[in-house]
């Protein structure tokens, strides 16, 4: 009877340990999948932000090129109009038109450069925020895994102690029964 009870206790402990291991493995897989999904979402958001910034830069370049074309056309028109006047007046107007066009073009270039810098800084800040969030998520998952491993180790220790206690009790009972049978 002691052997049967011992086998039963051992089988029960092994079964409980296996159930605990399977449950722990399932929980770990679920957490890993959640972390992977969160990382993929962040990566997708970063990629989307990059595409949006590239599209903005392309549109900005097109707009700037259009402004340059209009300025060049306006400059050409001003030059042609000045040529129709007297040579002296034409020279004065030409110089004025060229200076004005150059000044406007420089102002436009400076404004465009300032806007591009602001957008680049905003993109860099957004990327840094996303990177920080991803790093924080990674740390949190590592901490969860550490706590989970500690909890699992604690469960294993308790099960091992319970199994040892059951074996010792069964051995003790067997000895007592053996003594009784011997008497």
Protein backbone atom coordinates (compact mmCIF):
# COMPACT_ATOMS: atom_id res chain seq x y z
CA UNK A 1 0.00 0.00 0.00
CA UNK A 2 2.89 2.37 0.80
CA UNK A 3 4.38 1.76 -2.65
CA UNK A 4 1.03 2.49 -4.30
CA UNK A 5 0.59 5.66 -2.24
CA UNK A 6 4.17 6.69 -2.99
CA UNK A 7 3.68 6.13 -6.72
CA UNK A 8 0.40 8.05 -6.57
CA UNK A 9 2.02 10.98 -4.72
CA UNK A 10 4.95 11.07 -7.15
CA UNK A 11 2.63 10.85 -10.18
CA UNK A 12 0.44 13.65 -8.80
CA UNK A 13 3.46 15.87 -8.11
CA UNK A 14 4.87 15.21 -11.61
CA UNK A 15 1.46 15.93 -13.19
CA UNK A 16 1.09 19.17 -11.22
CA UNK A 17 4.61 20.21 -12.16
CA UNK A 18 3.93 19.52 -15.86
CA UNK A 19 0.65 21.48 -15.72
CA UNK A 20 2.47 24.38 -14.08
CA UNK A 21 5.24 24.24 -16.71
CA UNK A 22 2.73 24.18 -19.60
CA UNK A 23 0.76 27.06 -18.08
CA UNK A 24 3.98 29.06 -17.56
CA UNK A 25 5.11 28.34 -21.13
CA UNK A 26 1.71 29.46 -22.48
CA UNK A 27 1.86 32.68 -20.45
CA UNK A 28 5.44 33.37 -21.58
CA UNK A 29 4.45 32.82 -25.25
CA UNK A 30 1.49 35.18 -24.86
CA UNK A 31 3.69 37.88 -23.32
CA UNK A 32 6.35 37.42 -26.01
CA UNK A 33 3.69 37.71 -28.74
CA UNK A 34 2.30 40.87 -27.11
CA UNK A 35 5.80 42.38 -26.95
CA UNK A 36 6.50 41.45 -30.59
CA UNK A 37 3.16 42.95 -31.65
CA UNK A 38 3.89 46.18 -29.75
CA UNK A 39 7.39 46.38 -31.28
CA UNK A 40 5.94 45.80 -34.77
CA UNK A 41 3.36 48.55 -34.19
CA UNK A 42 6.06 50.98 -33.10
CA UNK A 43 8.25 50.02 -36.05
CA UNK A 44 5.31 50.51 -38.42
CA UNK A 45 4.56 53.93 -36.89
CA UNK A 46 8.21 54.97 -37.31
CA UNK A 47 8.19 53.78 -40.94
CA UNK A 48 4.94 55.66 -41.59
CA UNK A 49 6.42 58.81 -40.04
CA UNK A 50 9.52 58.48 -42.24
CA UNK A 51 7.38 58.08 -45.38
CA UNK A 52 5.29 61.11 -44.39
CA UNK A 53 8.42 63.25 -43.88
CA UNK A 54 9.82 62.12 -47.26
CA UNK A 55 6.51 63.00 -48.93
CA UNK A 56 6.48 66.42 -47.22
CA UNK A 57 10.04 67.08 -48.35
CA UNK A 58 9.15 66.09 -51.93
CA UNK A 59 6.12 68.42 -51.97
CA UNK A 60 8.19 71.18 -50.41
CA UNK A 61 10.89 70.79 -53.10
CA UNK A 62 8.21 70.94 -55.81
CA UNK A 63 6.71 74.07 -54.25
CA UNK A 64 10.15 75.71 -54.01
CA UNK A 65 10.92 74.82 -57.64
CA UNK A 66 7.57 76.34 -58.67
CA UNK A 67 8.38 79.55 -56.76
CA UNK A 68 11.80 79.69 -58.46
CA UNK A 69 10.18 79.24 -61.89
CA UNK A 70 7.68 82.04 -61.20
CA UNK A 71 10.48 84.29 -59.96
CA UNK A 72 12.57 83.52 -63.04
CA UNK A 73 9.58 84.29 -65.30
CA UNK A 74 8.89 87.52 -63.40
CA UNK A 75 12.56 88.49 -63.65
CA UNK A 76 12.60 87.78 -67.39
CA UNK A 77 9.44 89.84 -67.86
CA UNK A 78 10.92 92.72 -65.86
CA UNK A 79 14.10 92.57 -67.92
CA UNK A 80 12.17 92.59 -71.22
CA UNK A 81 10.06 95.52 -70.07
CA UNK A 82 13.16 97.46 -68.99
CA UNK A 83 14.83 96.88 -72.37
CA UNK A 84 11.91 98.71 -74.05
CA UNK A 85 12.68 101.90 -72.12
CA UNK A 86 15.61 104.18 -72.79
CA UNK A 87 19.04 102.68 -72.28
CA UNK A 88 19.69 104.69 -69.17
CA UNK A 89 16.32 103.96 -67.57
CA UNK A 90 16.55 100.34 -68.70
CA UNK A 91 19.87 99.93 -66.88
CA UNK A 92 18.47 101.42 -63.67
CA UNK A 93 15.30 99.29 -63.77
CA UNK A 94 17.26 96.16 -64.66
CA UNK A 95 19.59 96.63 -61.71
CA UNK A 96 16.62 97.25 -59.41
CA UNK A 97 14.68 94.22 -60.70
CA UNK A 98 17.72 91.94 -60.40
CA UNK A 99 18.45 93.18 -56.87
CA UNK A 100 14.81 92.73 -55.86
CA UNK A 101 14.62 89.26 -57.37
CA UNK A 102 17.88 88.24 -55.69
CA UNK A 103 16.65 89.62 -52.35
CA UNK A 104 13.28 87.84 -52.65
CA UNK A 105 14.98 84.61 -53.69
CA UNK A 106 17.35 84.79 -50.70
CA UNK A 107 14.43 85.48 -48.34
CA UNK A 108 12.53 82.54 -49.82
CA UNK A 109 15.61 80.29 -49.49
CA UNK A 110 16.15 81.29 -45.85
CA UNK A 111 12.48 80.75 -45.04
CA UNK A 112 12.52 77.36 -46.77
CA UNK A 113 15.70 76.35 -44.94
CA UNK A 114 14.17 77.37 -41.60
CA UNK A 115 11.00 75.37 -42.31
CA UNK A 116 13.01 72.31 -43.39
CA UNK A 117 15.12 72.48 -40.21
CA UNK A 118 11.97 72.74 -38.05
CA UNK A 119 10.43 69.70 -39.78
CA UNK A 120 13.67 67.71 -39.44
CA UNK A 121 13.86 68.56 -35.72
CA UNK A 122 10.21 67.53 -35.24
CA UNK A 123 10.86 64.23 -37.05
CA UNK A 124 13.99 63.57 -34.97
CA UNK A 125 12.08 64.31 -31.76
CA UNK A 126 9.24 61.97 -32.78
CA UNK A 127 11.75 59.22 -33.65
CA UNK A 128 13.52 59.69 -30.28
CA UNK A 129 10.17 59.44 -28.46
CA UNK A 130 9.31 56.21 -30.31
CA UNK A 131 12.77 54.79 -29.61
CA UNK A 132 12.43 55.65 -25.91
CA UNK A 133 8.98 54.00 -25.78
CA UNK A 134 10.37 50.86 -27.43
CA UNK A 135 13.29 50.76 -24.97
CA UNK A 136 10.91 51.19 -22.04
CA UNK A 137 8.70 48.36 -23.36
CA UNK A 138 11.74 46.10 -23.72
CA UNK A 139 12.85 46.83 -20.12
CA UNK A 140 9.33 46.15 -18.84
CA UNK A 141 9.18 42.80 -20.68
CA UNK A 142 12.63 41.82 -19.31
CA UNK A 143 11.49 42.70 -15.76
CA UNK A 144 8.28 40.69 -16.25
CA UNK A 145 10.30 37.71 -17.49
CA UNK A 146 12.67 37.97 -14.50
CA UNK A 147 9.74 38.07 -12.03
CA UNK A 148 8.07 35.20 -13.87
CA UNK A 149 11.26 33.08 -13.69
CA UNK A 150 11.52 33.82 -9.96
CA UNK A 151 7.88 32.83 -9.45
CA UNK A 152 8.36 29.62 -11.47
CA UNK A 153 11.50 28.74 -9.50
CA UNK A 154 9.58 29.30 -6.25
CA UNK A 155 6.77 26.99 -7.45
CA UNK A 156 9.36 24.33 -8.40
CA UNK A 157 11.00 24.59 -4.97
CA UNK A 158 7.65 24.22 -3.19
CA UNK A 159 6.73 21.21 -5.35
CA UNK A 160 10.12 19.59 -4.72
CA UNK A 161 9.72 20.14 -0.95
CA UNK A 162 6.19 18.69 -1.03
CA UNK A 163 7.40 15.67 -3.04
CA UNK A 164 10.30 15.11 -0.64
CA UNK A 165 7.93 15.36 2.35
CA UNK A 166 5.51 12.87 0.73
CA UNK A 167 8.36 10.43 0.01
CA UNK A 168 9.73 10.74 3.56
CA UNK A 169 6.23 10.22 5.04
CA UNK A 170 5.71 7.16 2.81
CA UNK A 171 9.11 5.73 3.80
CA UNK A 172 8.35 6.34 7.49
CA UNK A 173 4.96 4.65 7.15
CA UNK A 174 6.59 1.70 5.36
CA UNK A 175 9.14 1.35 8.18
CA UNK A 176 6.40 1.42 10.82
CA UNK A 177 4.36 -1.13 8.90
CA UNK A 178 7.46 -3.30 8.45
CA UNK A 179 8.11 -3.19 12.19
CA UNK A 180 4.51 -4.16 12.92
CA UNK A 181 4.71 -7.03 10.42
CA UNK A 182 8.08 -8.08 11.87
CA UNK A 183 6.62 -8.17 15.39
